[in-house]
Every structure is written in C-alpha cells, then in structure tokens.
Amino acid sequence: MKQNRKKYDAAFKLEAIRLATEGGRNISEVERNLGIGKGILSRWIRESKADPTEAFPGKGHLKAKDEEIRRLRMELKRTQEERDIIKKALAYFAEDQK
C-alpha cells in the first residue's frame, strides 16, 4: 500500500526550526512533539542554513537561480531549433541555386 507523504508549508517548517534551535529542546524531541518523521527536521535546518532566503519555495515554485536555469535552458532549446531551421533553409536554397 502506498503511503501518502505529509506536506508542510514554509511557515510550519520555519516554526519547527525555531523550536529546535531557540527552545533548548533537542531535534528528536521536537520531531516527536510535532509528529514529523525522524531526520526531517535536521534536513530542514540544513536547507535553511544553506539558503536562508529561499529555503522553502513551496510546491511548484523554484528558487530564483533554478528558475533562471530553467528559463535559459528553454531559451537555448528554442535558439537551437531556430538555428536548425535556418540551416535547413540555407541547404534548400543552396541546392536551388545549382
């Protein structure tokens, strides 16, 4: 049977991190009290420390740098397709000149 993953919003994650870091409690105690899986809070703390401003962008949202990479990849793909069309057109017209 497939187990549904619980989804937590950014506010919940930030509050859990605050409880663990400022409350004088250990991480496993906070995880038990909040009913979250073992090791989850440690991962949230690492993610928050690695990128405090964009640690939890939310479902379907990308961090700014990841969004920029996605946009650039799409632009590169479009440019490559345009280049391929131009190459084919040049080859067609070069053949027509013979």
PDB file of N, CA and C in Angstrom:
ATOM      1  N   MET A   1       0.828  -1.183   0.000  1.00  0.00           N
ATOM      2  CA  MET A   1       0.000   0.000   0.000  1.00  0.00           C
ATOM      3  C   MET A   1       0.881   1.259   0.000  1.00  0.00           C
ATOM      4  N   LYS A   2       0.547   2.207  -0.835  1.00  0.00           N
ATOM      5  CA  LYS A   2       1.345   3.417  -0.947  1.00  0.00           C
ATOM      6  C   LYS A   2       1.023   4.368   0.205  1.00  0.00           C
ATOM      7  N   GLN A   3       2.078   4.870   0.843  1.00  0.00           N
ATOM      8  CA  GLN A   3       1.898   5.784   1.957  1.00  0.00           C
ATOM      9  C   GLN A   3       1.946   7.217   1.433  1.00  0.00           C
ATOM     10  N   ASN A   4       0.964   8.018   1.817  1.00  0.00           N
ATOM     11  CA  ASN A   4       0.940   9.419   1.398  1.00  0.00           C
ATOM     12  C   ASN A   4       1.935  10.215   2.223  1.00  0.00           C
ATOM     13  N   ARG A   5       2.730  11.022   1.543  1.00  0.00           N
ATOM     14  CA  ARG A   5       3.674  11.888   2.233  1.00  0.00           C
ATOM     15  C   ARG A   5       2.941  13.103   2.749  1.00  0.00           C
ATOM     16  N   LYS A   6       3.292  13.492   3.968  1.00  0.00           N
ATOM     17  CA  LYS A   6       2.714  14.709   4.523  1.00  0.00           C
ATOM     18  C   LYS A   6       3.434  15.902   3.913  1.00  0.00           C
ATOM     19  N   LYS A   7       2.693  16.952   3.698  1.00  0.00           N
ATOM     20  CA  LYS A   7       3.268  18.167   3.140  1.00  0.00           C
ATOM     21  C   LYS A   7       3.158  19.265   4.192  1.00  0.00           C
ATOM     22  N   TYR A   8       4.252  19.960   4.392  1.00  0.00           N
ATOM     23  CA  TYR A   8       4.301  21.024   5.383  1.00  0.00           C
ATOM     24  C   TYR A   8       4.637  22.332   4.681  1.00  0.00           C
ATOM     25  N   ASP A   9       3.946  23.395   5.050  1.00  0.00           N
ATOM     26  CA  ASP A   9       4.229  24.681   4.420  1.00  0.00           C
ATOM     27  C   ASP A   9       5.470  25.318   5.053  1.00  0.00           C
ATOM     28  N   ALA A  10       5.940  26.370   4.422  1.00  0.00           N
ATOM     29  CA  ALA A  10       7.172  27.027   4.858  1.00  0.00           C
ATOM     30  C   ALA A  10       7.047  27.566   6.275  1.00  0.00           C
ATOM     31  N   ALA A  11       5.881  28.102   6.636  1.00  0.00           N
ATOM     32  CA  ALA A  11       5.700  28.657   7.976  1.00  0.00           C
ATOM     33  C   ALA A  11       5.852  27.570   9.041  1.00  0.00           C
ATOM     34  N   PHE A  12       5.300  26.391   8.781  1.00  0.00           N
ATOM     35  CA  PHE A  12       5.415  25.281   9.725  1.00  0.00           C
ATOM     36  C   PHE A  12       6.880  24.874   9.877  1.00  0.00           C
ATOM     37  N   LYS A  13       7.578  24.764   8.755  1.00  0.00           N
ATOM     38  CA  LYS A  13       8.984  24.360   8.790  1.00  0.00           C
ATOM     39  C   LYS A  13       9.828  25.371   9.558  1.00  0.00           C
ATOM     40  N   LEU A  14       9.587  26.649   9.301  1.00  0.00           N
ATOM     41  CA  LEU A  14      10.359  27.683   9.993  1.00  0.00           C
ATOM     42  C   LEU A  14      10.069  27.685  11.490  1.00  0.00           C
ATOM     43  N   GLU A  15       8.818  27.453  11.865  1.00  0.00           N
ATOM     44  CA  GLU A  15       8.469  27.391  13.289  1.00  0.00           C
ATOM     45  C   GLU A  15       9.113  26.173  13.947  1.00  0.00           C
ATOM     46  N   ALA A  16       9.127  25.039  13.260  1.00  0.00           N
ATOM     47  CA  ALA A  16       9.772  23.838  13.789  1.00  0.00           C
ATOM     48  C   ALA A  16      11.268  24.080  13.987  1.00  0.00           C
ATOM     49  N   ILE A  17      11.885  24.742  13.036  1.00  0.00           N
ATOM     50  CA  ILE A  17      13.316  25.068  13.147  1.00  0.00           C
ATOM     51  C   ILE A  17      13.550  25.986  14.342  1.00  0.00           C
ATOM     52  N   ARG A  18      12.673  26.965  14.494  1.00  0.00           N
ATOM     53  CA  ARG A  18      12.794  27.901  15.623  1.00  0.00           C
ATOM     54  C   ARG A  18      12.676  27.153  16.948  1.00  0.00           C
ATOM     55  N   LEU A  19      11.713  26.240  17.048  1.00  0.00           N
ATOM     56  CA  LEU A  19      11.541  25.468  18.281  1.00  0.00           C
ATOM     57  C   LEU A  19      12.782  24.650  18.606  1.00  0.00           C
ATOM     58  N   ALA A  20      13.387  24.073  17.589  1.00  0.00           N
ATOM     59  CA  ALA A  20      14.559  23.224  17.805  1.00  0.00           C
ATOM     60  C   ALA A  20      15.804  24.032  18.144  1.00  0.00           C
ATOM     61  N   THR A  21      15.933  25.215  17.558  1.00  0.00           N
ATOM     62  CA  THR A  21      17.162  25.978  17.750  1.00  0.00           C
ATOM     63  C   THR A  21      17.088  26.958  18.917  1.00  0.00           C
ATOM     64  N   GLU A  22      15.900  27.501  19.177  1.00  0.00           N
ATOM     65  CA  GLU A  22      15.780  28.501  20.235  1.00  0.00           C
ATOM     66  C   GLU A  22      15.146  27.951  21.507  1.00  0.00           C
ATOM     67  N   GLY A  23      14.430  26.850  21.396  1.00  0.00           N
ATOM     68  CA  GLY A  23      13.671  26.357  22.539  1.00  0.00           C
ATOM     69  C   GLY A  23      14.469  25.553  23.542  1.00  0.00           C
ATOM     70  N   GLY A  24      15.713  25.270  23.272  1.00  0.00           N
ATOM     71  CA  GLY A  24      16.509  24.484  24.195  1.00  0.00           C
ATOM     72  C   GLY A  24      16.152  23.005  24.172  1.00  0.00           C
ATOM     73  N   ARG A  25      15.369  22.588  23.193  1.00  0.00           N
ATOM     74  CA  ARG A  25      14.988  21.178  23.061  1.00  0.00           C
ATOM     75  C   ARG A  25      15.898  20.532  22.023  1.00  0.00           C
ATOM     76  N   ASN A  26      15.993  19.212  22.110  1.00  0.00           N
ATOM     77  CA  ASN A  26      16.769  18.543  21.072  1.00  0.00           C
ATOM     78  C   ASN A  26      15.858  18.250  19.880  1.00  0.00           C
ATOM     79  N   ILE A  27      16.466  17.986  18.761  1.00  0.00           N
ATOM     80  CA  ILE A  27      15.743  17.840  17.494  1.00  0.00           C
ATOM     81  C   ILE A  27      14.748  16.688  17.537  1.00  0.00           C
ATOM     82  N   SER A  28      15.162  15.549  18.078  1.00  0.00           N
ATOM     83  CA  SER A  28      14.255  14.391  18.096  1.00  0.00           C
ATOM     84  C   SER A  28      13.019  14.652  18.952  1.00  0.00           C
ATOM     85  N   GLU A  29      13.172  15.419  20.023  1.00  0.00           N
ATOM     86  CA  GLU A  29      12.031  15.770  20.870  1.00  0.00           C
ATOM     87  C   GLU A  29      11.035  16.642  20.101  1.00  0.00           C
ATOM     88  N   VAL A  30      11.537  17.621  19.374  1.00  0.00           N
ATOM     89  CA  VAL A  30      10.669  18.498  18.579  1.00  0.00           C
ATOM     90  C   VAL A  30       9.972  17.687  17.490  1.00  0.00           C
ATOM     91  N   GLU A  31      10.702  16.785  16.839  1.00  0.00           N
ATOM     92  CA  GLU A  31      10.097  15.935  15.806  1.00  0.00           C
ATOM     93  C   GLU A  31       8.955  15.104  16.380  1.00  0.00           C
ATOM     94  N   ARG A  32       9.177  14.494  17.539  1.00  0.00           N
ATOM     95  CA  ARG A  32       8.115  13.701  18.177  1.00  0.00           C
ATOM     96  C   ARG A  32       6.905  14.563  18.518  1.00  0.00           C
ATOM     97  N   ASN A  33       7.145  15.725  19.125  1.00  0.00           N
ATOM     98  CA  ASN A  33       6.053  16.608  19.542  1.00  0.00           C
ATOM     99  C   ASN A  33       5.231  17.110  18.354  1.00  0.00           C
ATOM    100  N   LEU A  34       5.894  17.332  17.230  1.00  0.00           N
ATOM    101  CA  LEU A  34       5.193  17.840  16.047  1.00  0.00           C
ATOM    102  C   LEU A  34       4.660  16.716  15.153  1.00  0.00           C
ATOM    103  N   GLY A  35       5.071  15.496  15.436  1.00  0.00           N
ATOM    104  CA  GLY A  35       4.593  14.364  14.646  1.00  0.00           C
ATOM    105  C   GLY A  35       5.220  14.270  13.271  1.00  0.00           C
ATOM    106  N   ILE A  36       6.458  14.712  13.161  1.00  0.00           N
ATOM    107  CA  ILE A  36       7.158  14.601  11.878  1.00  0.00           C
ATOM    108  C   ILE A  36       8.184  13.486  11.970  1.00  0.00           C
ATOM    109  N   GLY A  37       8.567  12.949  10.843  1.00  0.00           N
ATOM    110  CA  GLY A  37       9.473  11.815  10.789  1.00  0.00           C
ATOM    111  C   GLY A  37      10.867  12.137  11.294  1.00  0.00           C
ATOM    112  N   LYS A  38      11.542  11.072  11.705  1.00  0.00           N
ATOM    113  CA  LYS A  38      12.899  11.212  12.218  1.00  0.00           C
ATOM    114  C   LYS A  38      13.833  11.679  11.101  1.00  0.00           C
ATOM    115  N   GLY A  39      14.624  12.684  11.379  1.00  0.00           N
ATOM    116  CA  GLY A  39      15.590  13.191  10.419  1.00  0.00           C
ATOM    117  C   GLY A  39      15.075  14.322   9.536  1.00  0.00           C
ATOM    118  N   ILE A  40      13.757  14.499   9.515  1.00  0.00           N
ATOM    119  CA  ILE A  40      13.167  15.545   8.658  1.00  0.00           C
ATOM    120  C   ILE A  40      13.603  16.937   9.126  1.00  0.00           C
ATOM    121  N   LEU A  41      13.506  17.169  10.431  1.00  0.00           N
ATOM    122  CA  LEU A  41      13.836  18.485  10.973  1.00  0.00           C
ATOM    123  C   LEU A  41      15.311  18.815  10.746  1.00  0.00           C
ATOM    124  N   SER A  42      16.169  17.832  10.853  1.00  0.00           N
ATOM    125  CA  SER A  42      17.597  18.068  10.587  1.00  0.00           C
ATOM    126  C   SER A  42      17.804  18.507   9.140  1.00  0.00           C
ATOM    127  N   ARG A  43      17.074  17.879   8.215  1.00  0.00           N
ATOM    128  CA  ARG A  43      17.179  18.259   6.803  1.00  0.00           C
ATOM    129  C   ARG A  43      16.679  19.688   6.597  1.00  0.00           C
ATOM    130  N   TRP A  44      15.556  20.027   7.246  1.00  0.00           N
ATOM    131  CA  TRP A  44      15.025  21.388   7.116  1.00  0.00           C
ATOM    132  C   TRP A  44      16.025  22.412   7.644  1.00  0.00           C
ATOM    133  N   ILE A  45      16.679  22.099   8.751  1.00  0.00           N
ATOM    134  CA  ILE A  45      17.676  23.015   9.318  1.00  0.00           C
ATOM    135  C   ILE A  45      18.837  23.193   8.344  1.00  0.00           C
ATOM    136  N   ARG A  46      19.318  22.087   7.744  1.00  0.00           N
ATOM    137  CA  ARG A  46      20.415  22.180   6.755  1.00  0.00           C
ATOM    138  C   ARG A  46      19.994  23.033   5.561  1.00  0.00           C
ATOM    139  N   GLU A  47      18.768  22.795   5.061  1.00  0.00           N
ATOM    140  CA  GLU A  47      18.288  23.564   3.904  1.00  0.00           C
ATOM    141  C   GLU A  47      18.180  25.043   4.250  1.00  0.00           C
ATOM    142  N   SER A  48      17.712  25.335   5.451  1.00  0.00           N
ATOM    143  CA  SER A  48      17.561  26.717   5.876  1.00  0.00           C
ATOM    144  C   SER A  48      18.910  27.410   6.018  1.00  0.00           C
ATOM    145  N   LYS A  49      19.898  26.703   6.547  1.00  0.00           N
ATOM    146  CA  LYS A  49      21.237  27.286   6.696  1.00  0.00           C
ATOM    147  C   LYS A  49      21.908  27.485   5.344  1.00  0.00           C
ATOM    148  N   ALA A  50      21.677  26.561   4.415  1.00  0.00           N
ATOM    149  CA  ALA A  50      22.304  26.633   3.099  1.00  0.00           C
ATOM    150  C   ALA A  50      21.777  27.814   2.286  1.00  0.00           C
ATOM    151  N   ASP A  51      20.499  28.116   2.422  1.00  0.00           N
ATOM    152  CA  ASP A  51      19.890  29.199   1.641  1.00  0.00           C
ATOM    153  C   ASP A  51      18.736  29.807   2.443  1.00  0.00           C
ATOM    154  N   PRO A  52      19.043  30.671   3.411  1.00  0.00           N
ATOM    155  CA  PRO A  52      18.020  31.182   4.320  1.00  0.00           C
ATOM    156  C   PRO A  52      16.870  31.932   3.640  1.00  0.00           C
ATOM    157  N   THR A  53      17.145  32.635   2.574  1.00  0.00           N
ATOM    158  CA  THR A  53      16.088  33.435   1.952  1.00  0.00           C
ATOM    159  C   THR A  53      15.152  32.625   1.066  1.00  0.00           C
ATOM    160  N   GLU A  54      15.643  31.513   0.509  1.00  0.00           N
ATOM    161  CA  GLU A  54      14.816  30.733  -0.416  1.00  0.00           C
ATOM    162  C   GLU A  54      14.800  29.246  -0.059  1.00  0.00           C
ATOM    163  N   ALA A  55      14.858  28.935   1.227  1.00  0.00           N
ATOM    164  CA  ALA A  55      14.965  27.539   1.641  1.00  0.00           C
ATOM    165  C   ALA A  55      13.732  26.714   1.289  1.00  0.00           C
ATOM    166  N   PHE A  56      12.554  27.282   1.402  1.00  0.00           N
ATOM    167  CA  PHE A  56      11.324  26.528   1.186  1.00  0.00           C
ATOM    168  C   PHE A  56      10.416  27.283   0.211  1.00  0.00           C
ATOM    169  N   PRO A  57      10.691  27.167  -1.090  1.00  0.00           N
ATOM    170  CA  PRO A  57       9.926  27.952  -2.067  1.00  0.00           C
ATOM    171  C   PRO A  57       8.490  27.490  -2.231  1.00  0.00           C
ATOM    172  N   GLY A  58       8.166  26.278  -1.849  1.00  0.00           N
ATOM    173  CA  GLY A  58       6.801  25.778  -1.981  1.00  0.00           C
ATOM    174  C   GLY A  58       6.651  24.880  -3.188  1.00  0.00           C
ATOM    175  N   LYS A  59       5.562  24.122  -3.190  1.00  0.00           N
ATOM    176  CA  LYS A  59       5.326  23.166  -4.269  1.00  0.00           C
ATOM    177  C   LYS A  59       5.081  23.909  -5.585  1.00  0.00           C
ATOM    178  N   GLY A  60       5.760  23.479  -6.612  1.00  0.00           N
ATOM    179  CA  GLY A  60       5.584  24.083  -7.923  1.00  0.00           C
ATOM    180  C   GLY A  60       6.370  25.362  -8.130  1.00  0.00           C
ATOM    181  N   HIS A  61       7.101  25.794  -7.134  1.00  0.00           N
ATOM    182  CA  HIS A  61       7.897  27.005  -7.251  1.00  0.00           C
ATOM    183  C   HIS A  61       9.366  26.622  -7.218  1.00  0.00           C
ATOM    184  N   LEU A  62      10.145  27.377  -7.932  1.00  0.00           N
ATOM    185  CA  LEU A  62      11.580  27.143  -7.962  1.00  0.00           C
ATOM    186  C   LEU A  62      12.302  28.298  -7.296  1.00  0.00           C
ATOM    187  N   LYS A  63      13.477  28.010  -6.789  1.00  0.00           N
ATOM    188  CA  LYS A  63      14.328  29.082  -6.281  1.00  0.00           C
ATOM    189  C   LYS A  63      14.713  29.959  -7.461  1.00  0.00           C
ATOM    190  N   ALA A  64      15.067  31.200  -7.200  1.00  0.00           N
ATOM    191  CA  ALA A  64      15.359  32.152  -8.277  1.00  0.00           C
ATOM    192  C   ALA A  64      16.429  31.626  -9.230  1.00  0.00           C
ATOM    193  N   LYS A  65      17.506  31.059  -8.691  1.00  0.00           N
ATOM    194  CA  LYS A  65      18.576  30.576  -9.577  1.00  0.00           C
ATOM    195  C   LYS A  65      18.112  29.370 -10.389  1.00  0.00           C
ATOM    196  N   ASP A  66      17.284  28.505  -9.794  1.00  0.00           N
ATOM    197  CA  ASP A  66      16.765  27.352 -10.532  1.00  0.00           C
ATOM    198  C   ASP A  66      15.782  27.796 -11.618  1.00  0.00           C
ATOM    199  N   GLU A  67      14.999  28.819 -11.326  1.00  0.00           N
ATOM    200  CA  GLU A  67      14.075  29.368 -12.323  1.00  0.00           C
ATOM    201  C   GLU A  67      14.859  29.968 -13.485  1.00  0.00           C
ATOM    202  N   GLU A  68      15.955  30.651 -13.184  1.00  0.00           N
ATOM    203  CA  GLU A  68      16.806  31.235 -14.224  1.00  0.00           C
ATOM    204  C   GLU A  68      17.413  30.132 -15.089  1.00  0.00           C
ATOM    205  N   ILE A  69      17.867  29.054 -14.483  1.00  0.00           N
ATOM    206  CA  ILE A  69      18.427  27.930 -15.243  1.00  0.00           C
ATOM    207  C   ILE A  69      17.358  27.330 -16.151  1.00  0.00           C
ATOM    208  N   ARG A  70      16.143  27.139 -15.625  1.00  0.00           N
ATOM    209  CA  ARG A  70      15.044  26.589 -16.426  1.00  0.00           C
ATOM    210  C   ARG A  70      14.737  27.496 -17.616  1.00  0.00           C
ATOM    211  N   ARG A  71      14.693  28.806 -17.363  1.00  0.00           N
ATOM    212  CA  ARG A  71      14.405  29.772 -18.428  1.00  0.00           C
ATOM    213  C   ARG A  71      15.499  29.754 -19.489  1.00  0.00           C
ATOM    214  N   LEU A  72      16.757  29.701 -19.062  1.00  0.00           N
ATOM    215  CA  LEU A  72      17.869  29.694 -20.009  1.00  0.00           C
ATOM    216  C   LEU A  72      17.895  28.403 -20.835  1.00  0.00           C
ATOM    217  N   ARG A  73      17.565  27.285 -20.216  1.00  0.00           N
ATOM    218  CA  ARG A  73      17.511  26.028 -20.973  1.00  0.00           C
ATOM    219  C   ARG A  73      16.418  26.078 -22.033  1.00  0.00           C
ATOM    220  N   MET A  74      15.269  26.638 -21.679  1.00  0.00           N
ATOM    221  CA  MET A  74      14.186  26.761 -22.663  1.00  0.00           C
ATOM    222  C   MET A  74      14.602  27.686 -23.800  1.00  0.00           C
ATOM    223  N   GLU A  75      15.261  28.790 -23.462  1.00  0.00           N
ATOM    224  CA  GLU A  75      15.726  29.735 -24.476  1.00  0.00           C
ATOM    225  C   GLU A  75      16.777  29.087 -25.376  1.00  0.00           C
ATOM    226  N   LEU A  76      17.694  28.305 -24.791  1.00  0.00           N
ATOM    227  CA  LEU A  76      18.707  27.606 -25.573  1.00  0.00           C
ATOM    228  C   LEU A  76      18.054  26.616 -26.536  1.00  0.00           C
ATOM    229  N   LYS A  77      17.076  25.875 -26.063  1.00  0.00           N
ATOM    230  CA  LYS A  77      16.388  24.903 -26.909  1.00  0.00           C
ATOM    231  C   LYS A  77      15.704  25.605 -28.087  1.00  0.00           C
ATOM    232  N   ARG A  78      15.026  26.719 -27.812  1.00  0.00           N
ATOM    233  CA  ARG A  78      14.348  27.473 -28.863  1.00  0.00           C
ATOM    234  C   ARG A  78      15.362  28.002 -29.876  1.00  0.00           C
ATOM    235  N   THR A  79      16.481  28.513 -29.386  1.00  0.00           N
ATOM    236  CA  THR A  79      17.520  29.047 -30.264  1.00  0.00           C
ATOM    237  C   THR A  79      18.130  27.941 -31.126  1.00  0.00           C
ATOM    238  N   GLN A  80      18.341  26.771 -30.544  1.00  0.00           N
ATOM    239  CA  GLN A  80      18.884  25.650 -31.321  1.00  0.00           C
ATOM    240  C   GLN A  80      17.899  25.209 -32.403  1.00  0.00           C
ATOM    241  N   GLU A  81      16.607  25.211 -32.078  1.00  0.00           N
ATOM    242  CA  GLU A  81      15.598  24.852 -33.076  1.00  0.00           C
ATOM    243  C   GLU A  81      15.581  25.868 -34.212  1.00  0.00           C
ATOM    244  N   GLU A  82      15.681  27.147 -33.865  1.00  0.00           N
ATOM    245  CA  GLU A  82      15.730  28.191 -34.893  1.00  0.00           C
ATOM    246  C   GLU A  82      16.968  28.030 -35.766  1.00  0.00           C
ATOM    247  N   ARG A  83      18.101  27.726 -35.144  1.00  0.00           N
ATOM    248  CA  ARG A  83      19.343  27.506 -35.889  1.00  0.00           C
ATOM    249  C   ARG A  83      19.192  26.344 -36.870  1.00  0.00           C
ATOM    250  N   ASP A  84      18.574  25.255 -36.402  1.00  0.00           N
ATOM    251  CA  ASP A  84      18.384  24.087 -37.263  1.00  0.00           C
ATOM    252  C   ASP A  84      17.479  24.407 -38.441  1.00  0.00           C
ATOM    253  N   ILE A  85      16.455  25.217 -38.216  1.00  0.00           N
ATOM    254  CA  ILE A  85      15.554  25.616 -39.300  1.00  0.00           C
ATOM    255  C   ILE A  85      16.323  26.450 -40.322  1.00  0.00           C
ATOM    256  N   ILE A  86      17.149  27.376 -39.849  1.00  0.00           N
ATOM    257  CA  ILE A  86      17.937  28.227 -40.748  1.00  0.00           C
ATOM    258  C   ILE A  86      18.928  27.381 -41.550  1.00  0.00           C
ATOM    259  N   LYS A  87      19.566  26.398 -40.894  1.00  0.00           N
ATOM    260  CA  LYS A  87      20.499  25.511 -41.606  1.00  0.00           C
ATOM    261  C   LYS A  87      19.786  24.773 -42.737  1.00  0.00           C
ATOM    262  N   LYS A  88      18.597  24.256 -42.451  1.00  0.00           N
ATOM    263  CA  LYS A  88      17.843  23.518 -43.464  1.00  0.00           C
ATOM    264  C   LYS A  88      17.420  24.445 -44.599  1.00  0.00           C
ATOM    265  N   ALA A  89      17.011  25.661 -44.256  1.00  0.00           N
ATOM    266  CA  ALA A  89      16.609  26.612 -45.287  1.00  0.00           C
ATOM    267  C   ALA A  89      17.804  26.977 -46.170  1.00  0.00           C
ATOM    268  N   LEU A  90      18.973  27.204 -45.567  1.00  0.00           N
ATOM    269  CA  LEU A  90      20.171  27.523 -46.337  1.00  0.00           C
ATOM    270  C   LEU A  90      20.543  26.381 -47.266  1.00  0.00           C
ATOM    271  N   ALA A  91      20.458  25.166 -46.757  1.00  0.00           N
ATOM    272  CA  ALA A  91      20.775  24.000 -47.590  1.00  0.00           C
ATOM    273  C   ALA A  91      19.788  23.888 -48.745  1.00  0.00           C
ATOM    274  N   TYR A  92      18.537  24.161 -48.492  1.00  0.00           N
ATOM    275  CA  TYR A  92      17.499  24.081 -49.535  1.00  0.00           C
ATOM    276  C   TYR A  92      17.762  25.131 -50.613  1.00  0.00           C
ATOM    277  N   PHE A  93      18.027  26.368 -50.186  1.00  0.00           N
ATOM    278  CA  PHE A  93      18.240  27.428 -51.160  1.00  0.00           C
ATOM    279  C   PHE A  93      19.579  27.270 -51.890  1.00  0.00           C
ATOM    280  N   ALA A  94      20.579  26.726 -51.231  1.00  0.00           N
ATOM    281  CA  ALA A  94      21.870  26.472 -51.882  1.00  0.00           C
ATOM    282  C   ALA A  94      21.685  25.418 -52.965  1.00  0.00           C
ATOM    283  N   GLU A  95      20.866  24.430 -52.718  1.00  0.00           N
ATOM    284  CA  GLU A  95      20.580  23.395 -53.716  1.00  0.00           C
ATOM    285  C   GLU A  95      19.821  23.994 -54.898  1.00  0.00           C
ATOM    286  N   ASP A  96      18.946  24.917 -54.597  1.00  0.00           N
ATOM    287  CA  ASP A  96      18.116  25.555 -55.628  1.00  0.00           C
ATOM    288  C   ASP A  96      18.965  26.418 -56.548  1.00  0.00           C
ATOM    289  N   GLN A  97      20.108  26.926 -56.064  1.00  0.00           N
ATOM    290  CA  GLN A  97      20.985  27.793 -56.843  1.00  0.00           C
ATOM    291  C   GLN A  97      21.789  27.004 -57.885  1.00  0.00           C
ATOM    292  N   LYS A  98      21.932  25.708 -57.697  1.00  0.00           N
ATOM    293  CA  LYS A  98      22.743  24.886 -58.604  1.00  0.00           C
ATOM    294  C   LYS A  98      22.081  24.642 -59.903  1.00  0.00           C
TER     295      LYS A  98
END
